[in-house]
Amino acid sequence: MFHSPDFQDLVQSQGIVWTPEHLDLLTDYPAQFLGGILGKTLLGDIHDQWVKHIWMSPEGMDSSLMAHRGSYKTTSCTVIGPILRWLLYPNCRIALVRETYKVAAETLATVAKNMENPVIQSLFSAVHGEGAAKATINREGKLEFAFKKTNTKEGNMESFGILGVPTGFHCDKVIGDDFVTKEDKYSRAKREKTRAAVEEIQTNIVDPGGECSWVGTPWAKDDAWECVPKPLKF
């Protein structure tokens, strides 16, 4: 059971002193800990399990998760999960892939907004140095922070539609969220395009040692879920 610190006190305090106990809670209960800071009070133990499955699996291990609509999959796995990853691996380049570029870019903007939270900023400063979470690039579709020390053309996060990941883009982690949609249920051509896109991403986009994670809901028996690792199902 998660024993939450008083997040209201954290949010209102000035000059938070982070302790090893805070960091233990963060890695044990990432969704509830980070969600509590960000005001996401409906996340529970199951969401911690999801975040750890997607973001803390052994290096190079792909993963996937199916859960019903409205279960806070995107909030926990796609919006909160990257914060945990960057705390642990600040140079990580993440490709955020959703059904369309517009939706993916909107989700990236939410991640960027959450990173501006003063408590999140304080946490990154404690782990990676003062001002580490300052955005050095924050525009539609691309996000990069001062904590990234590697010199690559890719940022810490870039967003794409499932059919629009460009050849030549490379990353350390793909998070595919609702990459299969209702359109895949009714259109065989769309299903085949989505399947081909998922296979291309898994084969050519992720650098050696990286991983792909897929989150969402299936729509058809032969949709792109057949191309990804066997998912945890909720």
C-alpha atoms as a PDB file:
ATOM      1  CA  MET A   1       0.000   0.000   0.000  1.00  0.00           C
ATOM      2  CA  PHE A   2       1.242   3.449  -0.902  1.00  0.00           C
ATOM      3  CA  HIS A   3       1.905   5.743   2.043  1.00  0.00           C
ATOM      4  CA  SER A   4       1.754   9.108   0.332  1.00  0.00           C
ATOM      5  CA  PRO A   5       3.755  12.078   1.527  1.00  0.00           C
ATOM      6  CA  ASP A   6       1.643  15.176   1.925  1.00  0.00           C
ATOM      7  CA  PHE A   7       1.745  16.329  -1.670  1.00  0.00           C
ATOM      8  CA  GLN A   8      -0.126  19.509  -0.851  1.00  0.00           C
ATOM      9  CA  ASP A   9       2.690  20.473   1.487  1.00  0.00           C
ATOM     10  CA  LEU A  10       5.217  19.560  -1.191  1.00  0.00           C
ATOM     11  CA  VAL A  11       3.499  21.713  -3.794  1.00  0.00           C
ATOM     12  CA  GLN A  12       3.229  24.689  -1.460  1.00  0.00           C
ATOM     13  CA  SER A  13       6.659  24.427   0.125  1.00  0.00           C
ATOM     14  CA  GLN A  14       9.702  26.441  -0.792  1.00  0.00           C
ATOM     15  CA  GLY A  15      13.077  24.739  -0.974  1.00  0.00           C
ATOM     16  CA  ILE A  16      12.063  21.069  -0.754  1.00  0.00           C
ATOM     17  CA  VAL A  17      14.702  18.816   0.773  1.00  0.00           C
ATOM     18  CA  TRP A  18      14.586  15.558  -1.142  1.00  0.00           C
ATOM     19  CA  THR A  19      15.659  12.437   0.738  1.00  0.00           C
ATOM     20  CA  PRO A  20      16.527   8.852  -0.243  1.00  0.00           C
ATOM     21  CA  GLU A  21      13.140   7.869   1.185  1.00  0.00           C
ATOM     22  CA  HIS A  22      11.431  10.107  -1.390  1.00  0.00           C
ATOM     23  CA  LEU A  23      13.384   8.426  -4.173  1.00  0.00           C
ATOM     24  CA  ASP A  24      12.506   4.965  -2.842  1.00  0.00           C
ATOM     25  CA  LEU A  25       8.824   5.936  -2.955  1.00  0.00           C
ATOM     26  CA  LEU A  26       9.298   7.307  -6.457  1.00  0.00           C
ATOM     27  CA  THR A  27      10.665   4.071  -7.866  1.00  0.00           C
ATOM     28  CA  ASP A  28       8.271   1.854  -5.888  1.00  0.00           C
ATOM     29  CA  TYR A  29       5.149   3.928  -6.599  1.00  0.00           C
ATOM     30  CA  PRO A  30       5.974   6.063  -9.657  1.00  0.00           C
ATOM     31  CA  ALA A  31       2.419   6.752 -10.846  1.00  0.00           C
ATOM     32  CA  GLN A  32       1.094   7.698  -7.421  1.00  0.00           C
ATOM     33  CA  PHE A  33       4.188   9.668  -6.410  1.00  0.00           C
ATOM     34  CA  LEU A  34       4.561  11.737  -9.586  1.00  0.00           C
ATOM     35  CA  GLY A  35       0.809  11.803 -10.123  1.00  0.00           C
ATOM     36  CA  GLY A  36       0.319  13.160  -6.613  1.00  0.00           C
ATOM     37  CA  ILE A  37       2.704  16.027  -7.337  1.00  0.00           C
ATOM     38  CA  LEU A  38       0.828  16.779 -10.564  1.00  0.00           C
ATOM     39  CA  GLY A  39      -2.630  16.597  -8.977  1.00  0.00           C
ATOM     40  CA  LYS A  40      -3.567  13.230 -10.531  1.00  0.00           C
ATOM     41  CA  THR A  41      -5.231  11.831  -7.440  1.00  0.00           C
ATOM     42  CA  LEU A  42      -7.082   8.869  -9.025  1.00  0.00           C
ATOM     43  CA  LEU A  43      -4.004   6.799  -9.774  1.00  0.00           C
ATOM     44  CA  GLY A  44      -3.472   3.684  -7.668  1.00  0.00           C
ATOM     45  CA  ASP A  45      -1.340   0.586  -7.241  1.00  0.00           C
ATOM     46  CA  ILE A  46      -2.348  -0.796 -10.643  1.00  0.00           C
ATOM     47  CA  HIS A  47      -1.015   2.310 -12.389  1.00  0.00           C
ATOM     48  CA  ASP A  48       2.298   1.923 -10.559  1.00  0.00           C
ATOM     49  CA  GLN A  49       2.427  -1.600 -11.953  1.00  0.00           C
ATOM     50  CA  TRP A  50       1.746  -0.304 -15.464  1.00  0.00           C
ATOM     51  CA  VAL A  51       4.430   2.389 -15.301  1.00  0.00           C
ATOM     52  CA  LYS A  52       7.032  -0.065 -14.037  1.00  0.00           C
ATOM     53  CA  HIS A  53       6.092  -2.603 -16.724  1.00  0.00           C
ATOM     54  CA  ILE A  54       6.425  -0.027 -19.504  1.00  0.00           C
ATOM     55  CA  TRP A  55       9.324   2.071 -18.195  1.00  0.00           C
ATOM     56  CA  MET A  56      11.371  -0.123 -15.834  1.00  0.00           C
ATOM     57  CA  SER A  57      11.569  -3.423 -17.714  1.00  0.00           C
ATOM     58  CA  PRO A  58      15.078  -4.822 -18.250  1.00  0.00           C
ATOM     59  CA  GLU A  59      17.131  -2.899 -20.802  1.00  0.00           C
ATOM     60  CA  GLY A  60      16.247  -3.786 -24.370  1.00  0.00           C
ATOM     61  CA  MET A  61      13.044  -5.640 -23.460  1.00  0.00           C
ATOM     62  CA  ASP A  62       9.969  -4.616 -25.446  1.00  0.00           C
ATOM     63  CA  SER A  63       6.632  -4.520 -23.612  1.00  0.00           C
ATOM     64  CA  SER A  64       2.948  -3.885 -24.159  1.00  0.00           C
ATOM     65  CA  LEU A  65      -0.188  -3.273 -22.141  1.00  0.00           C
ATOM     66  CA  MET A  66      -3.900  -3.563 -22.936  1.00  0.00           C
ATOM     67  CA  ALA A  67      -6.481  -1.890 -20.715  1.00  0.00           C
ATOM     68  CA  HIS A  68      -9.993  -0.563 -21.170  1.00  0.00           C
ATOM     69  CA  ARG A  69     -10.798   2.973 -22.229  1.00  0.00           C
ATOM     70  CA  GLY A  70     -10.871   5.523 -19.437  1.00  0.00           C
ATOM     71  CA  SER A  71      -8.463   3.559 -17.233  1.00  0.00           C
ATOM     72  CA  TYR A  72      -5.782   6.308 -17.188  1.00  0.00           C
ATOM     73  CA  LYS A  73      -3.422   4.413 -19.501  1.00  0.00           C
ATOM     74  CA  THR A  74      -2.248   7.597 -21.202  1.00  0.00           C
ATOM     75  CA  THR A  75      -1.956   9.557 -17.950  1.00  0.00           C
ATOM     76  CA  SER A  76       0.171   6.953 -16.223  1.00  0.00           C
ATOM     77  CA  CYS A  77       2.149   5.327 -19.042  1.00  0.00           C
ATOM     78  CA  THR A  78       2.548   8.104 -21.615  1.00  0.00           C
ATOM     79  CA  VAL A  79       2.452  11.349 -19.624  1.00  0.00           C
ATOM     80  CA  ILE A  80       3.954  10.375 -16.245  1.00  0.00           C
ATOM     81  CA  GLY A  81       6.201   7.493 -17.332  1.00  0.00           C
ATOM     82  CA  PRO A  82       8.695   9.623 -19.309  1.00  0.00           C
ATOM     83  CA  ILE A  83       9.378  11.765 -16.221  1.00  0.00           C
ATOM     84  CA  LEU A  84      10.517   8.653 -14.362  1.00  0.00           C
ATOM     85  CA  ARG A  85      12.674   7.560 -17.304  1.00  0.00           C
ATOM     86  CA  TRP A  86      14.446  10.930 -17.528  1.00  0.00           C
ATOM     87  CA  LEU A  87      15.119  10.954 -13.799  1.00  0.00           C
ATOM     88  CA  LEU A  88      16.876   7.612 -14.200  1.00  0.00           C
ATOM     89  CA  TYR A  89      18.299   8.063 -17.726  1.00  0.00           C
ATOM     90  CA  PRO A  90      18.502  11.757 -18.625  1.00  0.00           C
ATOM     91  CA  ASN A  91      19.904  11.184 -22.122  1.00  0.00           C
ATOM     92  CA  CYS A  92      17.014   8.962 -23.181  1.00  0.00           C
ATOM     93  CA  ARG A  93      15.460   9.905 -26.539  1.00  0.00           C
ATOM     94  CA  ILE A  94      11.763   9.008 -26.602  1.00  0.00           C
ATOM     95  CA  ALA A  95       9.536   8.738 -29.668  1.00  0.00           C
ATOM     96  CA  LEU A  96       5.918   9.357 -28.696  1.00  0.00           C
ATOM     97  CA  VAL A  97       3.716   7.663 -31.301  1.00  0.00           C
ATOM     98  CA  ARG A  98      -0.067   8.022 -31.403  1.00  0.00           C
ATOM     99  CA  GLU A  99      -2.779   7.580 -34.023  1.00  0.00           C
ATOM    100  CA  THR A 100      -2.102  11.004 -35.558  1.00  0.00           C
ATOM    101  CA  TYR A 101       0.647  13.578 -35.294  1.00  0.00           C
ATOM    102  CA  LYS A 102      -1.833  16.131 -33.904  1.00  0.00           C
ATOM    103  CA  VAL A 103      -2.807  13.913 -30.975  1.00  0.00           C
ATOM    104  CA  ALA A 104       0.817  12.953 -30.324  1.00  0.00           C
ATOM    105  CA  ALA A 105       1.922  16.604 -30.339  1.00  0.00           C
ATOM    106  CA  GLU A 106      -0.859  17.505 -27.895  1.00  0.00           C
ATOM    107  CA  THR A 107       0.300  14.739 -25.544  1.00  0.00           C
ATOM    108  CA  LEU A 108       3.900  15.946 -25.826  1.00  0.00           C
ATOM    109  CA  ALA A 109       2.701  19.438 -24.883  1.00  0.00           C
ATOM    110  CA  THR A 110       1.124  17.958 -21.740  1.00  0.00           C
ATOM    111  CA  VAL A 111       4.426  16.301 -20.834  1.00  0.00           C
ATOM    112  CA  ALA A 112       6.200  19.643 -21.351  1.00  0.00           C
ATOM    113  CA  LYS A 113       3.689  21.419 -19.118  1.00  0.00           C
ATOM    114  CA  ASN A 114       4.099  18.846 -16.364  1.00  0.00           C
ATOM    115  CA  MET A 115       7.867  19.244 -16.500  1.00  0.00           C
ATOM    116  CA  GLU A 116       7.378  22.942 -15.692  1.00  0.00           C
ATOM    117  CA  ASN A 117       5.797  22.048 -12.353  1.00  0.00           C
ATOM    118  CA  PRO A 118       8.031  23.618  -9.658  1.00  0.00           C
ATOM    119  CA  VAL A 119       8.144  20.441  -7.591  1.00  0.00           C
ATOM    120  CA  ILE A 120       9.163  18.377 -10.624  1.00  0.00           C
ATOM    121  CA  GLN A 121      11.791  21.021 -11.412  1.00  0.00           C
ATOM    122  CA  SER A 122      13.078  20.779  -7.836  1.00  0.00           C
ATOM    123  CA  LEU A 123      13.239  16.992  -8.042  1.00  0.00           C
ATOM    124  CA  PHE A 124      15.318  17.094 -11.223  1.00  0.00           C
ATOM    125  CA  SER A 125      17.606  19.706  -9.700  1.00  0.00           C
ATOM    126  CA  ALA A 126      18.203  17.406  -6.727  1.00  0.00           C
ATOM    127  CA  VAL A 127      19.023  14.446  -8.978  1.00  0.00           C
ATOM    128  CA  HIS A 128      20.786  16.067 -11.953  1.00  0.00           C
ATOM    129  CA  GLY A 129      21.867  19.531 -10.791  1.00  0.00           C
ATOM    130  CA  GLU A 130      20.355  22.979 -10.522  1.00  0.00           C
ATOM    131  CA  GLY A 131      18.252  23.948 -13.532  1.00  0.00           C
ATOM    132  CA  ALA A 132      18.525  20.489 -15.094  1.00  0.00           C
ATOM    133  CA  ALA A 133      14.863  20.381 -16.137  1.00  0.00           C
ATOM    134  CA  LYS A 134      14.938  23.698 -17.981  1.00  0.00           C
ATOM    135  CA  ALA A 135      13.615  23.156 -21.500  1.00  0.00           C
ATOM    136  CA  THR A 136      16.219  23.999 -24.132  1.00  0.00           C
ATOM    137  CA  ILE A 137      13.791  23.091 -26.957  1.00  0.00           C
ATOM    138  CA  ASN A 138      10.041  23.262 -26.449  1.00  0.00           C
ATOM    139  CA  ARG A 139       8.092  23.511 -29.665  1.00  0.00           C
ATOM    140  CA  GLU A 140       5.320  21.556 -31.303  1.00  0.00           C
ATOM    141  CA  GLY A 141       6.485  17.999 -31.711  1.00  0.00           C
ATOM    142  CA  LYS A 142       9.895  18.281 -30.029  1.00  0.00           C
ATOM    143  CA  LEU A 143      11.127  18.629 -26.460  1.00  0.00           C
ATOM    144  CA  GLU A 144      14.642  18.724 -25.023  1.00  0.00           C
ATOM    145  CA  PHE A 145      16.021  19.580 -21.584  1.00  0.00           C
ATOM    146  CA  ALA A 146      19.276  20.813 -20.097  1.00  0.00           C
ATOM    147  CA  PHE A 147      19.818  17.437 -18.415  1.00  0.00           C
ATOM    148  CA  LYS A 148      20.408  15.812 -21.835  1.00  0.00           C
ATOM    149  CA  LYS A 149      24.185  15.809 -22.316  1.00  0.00           C
ATOM    150  CA  THR A 150      24.497  13.758 -25.502  1.00  0.00           C
ATOM    151  CA  ASN A 151      24.839  15.588 -28.811  1.00  0.00           C
ATOM    152  CA  THR A 152      22.172  14.123 -31.102  1.00  0.00           C
ATOM    153  CA  LYS A 153      19.741  15.647 -33.572  1.00  0.00           C
ATOM    154  CA  GLU A 154      16.900  13.963 -31.685  1.00  0.00           C
ATOM    155  CA  GLY A 155      15.508  15.599 -28.552  1.00  0.00           C
ATOM    156  CA  ASN A 156      14.389  14.000 -25.304  1.00  0.00           C
ATOM    157  CA  MET A 157      10.946  13.531 -26.834  1.00  0.00           C
ATOM    158  CA  GLU A 158       9.542  13.860 -30.342  1.00  0.00           C
ATOM    159  CA  SER A 159       5.996  13.098 -31.454  1.00  0.00           C
ATOM    160  CA  PHE A 160       4.703  11.268 -34.526  1.00  0.00           C
ATOM    161  CA  GLY A 161       1.582   9.769 -36.017  1.00  0.00           C
ATOM    162  CA  ILE A 162       1.796   5.992 -36.374  1.00  0.00           C
ATOM    163  CA  LEU A 163       2.033   6.279 -40.168  1.00  0.00           C
ATOM    164  CA  GLY A 164       4.456   9.200 -40.115  1.00  0.00           C
ATOM    165  CA  VAL A 165       7.667   8.203 -38.327  1.00  0.00           C
ATOM    166  CA  PRO A 166      10.400   9.313 -40.768  1.00  0.00           C
ATOM    167  CA  THR A 167      13.138   7.056 -42.068  1.00  0.00           C
ATOM    168  CA  GLY A 168      16.380   8.129 -40.444  1.00  0.00           C
ATOM    169  CA  PHE A 169      14.887   9.028 -37.077  1.00  0.00           C
ATOM    170  CA  HIS A 170      16.397   7.036 -34.211  1.00  0.00           C
ATOM    171  CA  CYS A 171      15.637   6.833 -30.508  1.00  0.00           C
ATOM    172  CA  ASP A 172      16.203   4.820 -27.359  1.00  0.00           C
ATOM    173  CA  LYS A 173      12.549   4.279 -26.486  1.00  0.00           C
ATOM    174  CA  VAL A 174       9.246   4.213 -28.349  1.00  0.00           C
ATOM    175  CA  ILE A 175       5.999   4.648 -26.460  1.00  0.00           C
ATOM    176  CA  GLY A 176       3.108   3.826 -28.770  1.00  0.00           C
ATOM    177  CA  ASP A 177      -0.238   4.907 -27.307  1.00  0.00           C
ATOM    178  CA  ASP A 178      -3.585   4.048 -28.932  1.00  0.00           C
ATOM    179  CA  PHE A 179      -1.716   3.247 -32.122  1.00  0.00           C
ATOM    180  CA  VAL A 180      -4.625   1.022 -33.208  1.00  0.00           C
ATOM    181  CA  THR A 181      -7.928   2.876 -33.585  1.00  0.00           C
ATOM    182  CA  LYS A 182     -11.536   2.262 -34.558  1.00  0.00           C
ATOM    183  CA  GLU A 183     -10.633   2.876 -38.197  1.00  0.00           C
ATOM    184  CA  ASP A 184      -8.503  -0.283 -38.087  1.00  0.00           C
ATOM    185  CA  LYS A 185     -11.626  -2.273 -37.227  1.00  0.00           C
ATOM    186  CA  TYR A 186     -13.421  -1.339 -40.432  1.00  0.00           C
ATOM    187  CA  SER A 187     -10.571  -0.955 -42.930  1.00  0.00           C
ATOM    188  CA  ARG A 188      -8.285  -3.829 -43.876  1.00  0.00           C
ATOM    189  CA  ALA A 189      -6.071  -1.400 -45.778  1.00  0.00           C
ATOM    190  CA  LYS A 190      -5.640   0.691 -42.636  1.00  0.00           C
ATOM    191  CA  ARG A 191      -4.853  -2.410 -40.561  1.00  0.00           C
ATOM    192  CA  GLU A 192      -2.170  -3.443 -43.025  1.00  0.00           C
ATOM    193  CA  LYS A 193      -0.623   0.044 -43.060  1.00  0.00           C
ATOM    194  CA  THR A 194      -0.582   0.164 -39.251  1.00  0.00           C
ATOM    195  CA  ARG A 195       0.968  -3.297 -39.016  1.00  0.00           C
ATOM    196  CA  ALA A 196       3.688  -2.333 -41.503  1.00  0.00           C
ATOM    197  CA  ALA A 197       4.373   0.886 -39.581  1.00  0.00           C
ATOM    198  CA  VAL A 198       4.697  -0.951 -36.250  1.00  0.00           C
ATOM    199  CA  GLU A 199       7.085  -3.500 -37.773  1.00  0.00           C
ATOM    200  CA  GLU A 200       9.195  -0.717 -39.304  1.00  0.00           C
ATOM    201  CA  ILE A 201       9.376   1.142 -35.980  1.00  0.00           C
ATOM    202  CA  GLN A 202      10.416  -1.966 -34.064  1.00  0.00           C
ATOM    203  CA  THR A 203      13.023  -2.924 -36.667  1.00  0.00           C
ATOM    204  CA  ASN A 204      14.623   0.325 -37.828  1.00  0.00           C
ATOM    205  CA  ILE A 205      13.744   3.233 -35.514  1.00  0.00           C
ATOM    206  CA  VAL A 206      14.963   2.018 -32.126  1.00  0.00           C
ATOM    207  CA  ASP A 207      18.729   1.929 -31.638  1.00  0.00           C
ATOM    208  CA  PRO A 208      20.413  -1.260 -30.352  1.00  0.00           C
ATOM    209  CA  GLY A 209      19.707  -1.714 -26.665  1.00  0.00           C
ATOM    210  CA  GLY A 210      16.522   0.361 -26.824  1.00  0.00           C
ATOM    211  CA  GLU A 211      12.961  -0.817 -26.592  1.00  0.00           C
ATOM    212  CA  CYS A 212       9.421  -0.325 -27.851  1.00  0.00           C
ATOM    213  CA  SER A 213       6.382  -0.247 -25.584  1.00  0.00           C
ATOM    214  CA  TRP A 214       2.803  -0.305 -26.793  1.00  0.00           C
ATOM    215  CA  VAL A 215      -0.273   0.766 -24.846  1.00  0.00           C
ATOM    216  CA  GLY A 216      -3.917   0.757 -25.885  1.00  0.00           C
ATOM    217  CA  THR A 217      -6.961  -1.289 -26.824  1.00  0.00           C
ATOM    218  CA  PRO A 218      -7.385  -3.816 -29.652  1.00  0.00           C
ATOM    219  CA  TRP A 219     -10.005  -3.290 -32.367  1.00  0.00           C
ATOM    220  CA  ALA A 220      -9.734  -6.281 -34.713  1.00  0.00           C
ATOM    221  CA  LYS A 221      -8.465  -9.845 -34.616  1.00  0.00           C
ATOM    222  CA  ASP A 222      -5.710  -9.199 -37.164  1.00  0.00           C
ATOM    223  CA  ASP A 223      -4.765  -5.654 -36.186  1.00  0.00           C
ATOM    224  CA  ALA A 224      -1.247  -4.444 -35.291  1.00  0.00           C
ATOM    225  CA  TRP A 225      -1.423  -5.915 -31.805  1.00  0.00           C
ATOM    226  CA  GLU A 226      -0.351  -9.153 -33.470  1.00  0.00           C
ATOM    227  CA  CYS A 227       3.031  -7.537 -34.217  1.00  0.00           C
ATOM    228  CA  VAL A 228       3.990  -6.520 -30.671  1.00  0.00           C
ATOM    229  CA  PRO A 229       4.997  -8.542 -27.583  1.00  0.00           C
ATOM    230  CA  LYS A 230       2.240 -10.376 -25.775  1.00  0.00           C
ATOM    231  CA  PRO A 231       0.614  -7.687 -23.612  1.00  0.00           C
ATOM    232  CA  LEU A 232      -0.353  -7.528 -19.988  1.00  0.00           C
ATOM    233  CA  LYS A 233      -4.143  -7.377 -20.097  1.00  0.00           C
ATOM    234  CA  PHE A 234      -6.440  -5.501 -17.741  1.00  0.00           C
END
